[in-house]
Amino acid sequence: MRRVALVTGAARGIGRAIAQDLAQDHDVAITWRSTDPDALLQTGPDILAIRADLTHPDSPQSIVDQVIGRFGRLDVIVNNAGLVVATPVDEMDIAAHRSLFETNLTGPAALLSAALPHLEPGAAIVNISSINAALPPLGAVAYGASKAALNLWTRGMAKELGPKGIRVNAVAPGAINTPEKPRSKELTDAFVKETALGRPGTPEDIAKAVRFLATDQAGFITGEILAVSGGYRL
């Protein structure tokens, strides 16, 4: 029986690459909020696309119900949906801080809580974090803090769910250029200069790491934060 994967925020960029990769041998559901998922569905017409705002209190349960209703099971959750907002210290914006943590931490926690009754031993959770959890970005420290909180939550959930046979890990991307939002040449060159492998990352680089952690190839790995950054700032 094919395993079922749910990838949040998968209409574009890293999320879309993850969904396309997993769809090779998984039944896949995605969530999307504002970006139309037609480009993904053209390559994967059997993918279940659910429009949802993960910060809405009713969304996690509704998403899980739709996945179970369509596929009858759920084996992999990839918490990719995220928010990046500038939060300069001299312009305190409480709403921006709240949105960051609601999207980047509370959303994954609520989704896991809703899905837990359906997760069997062997299930895997993969959270998409960021190297900014350890290397705080100037002008966007709250974003880095929200990802640092996600890392701690990842390890905590691994400890709590390990006895149930459920693994919880995270992937922390470095500088990833996406087709929809490529960085300027100047900014890309600055990142590449500080990257050991001498190139920016691609969404497919992250998708391959997610696949590894989501499958039985990583069956004895849990509570880990896997940096996929090309050796950024080594």
Foldseek 3Di string as FASTA:
>chain_A
DAAEEEFEQQLFFLNVLLQLVSLVGHAYEYEHEPRDNVVSCVSPVRYHYHYDDLLDLVGLLVVLVVSCVVPVAHAEYELEFADFDFAAPVDHDPVVLVVRLSNLPVSVVSNCVNRVVRYAANGEYEYEAACCLVVPDHRGNSNSVSSVVVLVVQLVVQVVCVVRNYAGEYEHEYAEATPVHGDDPVVQQVQLVQAQQNGFHYSNLVSVVSVCRRHCVCSPDHSYYHYSYNRGND
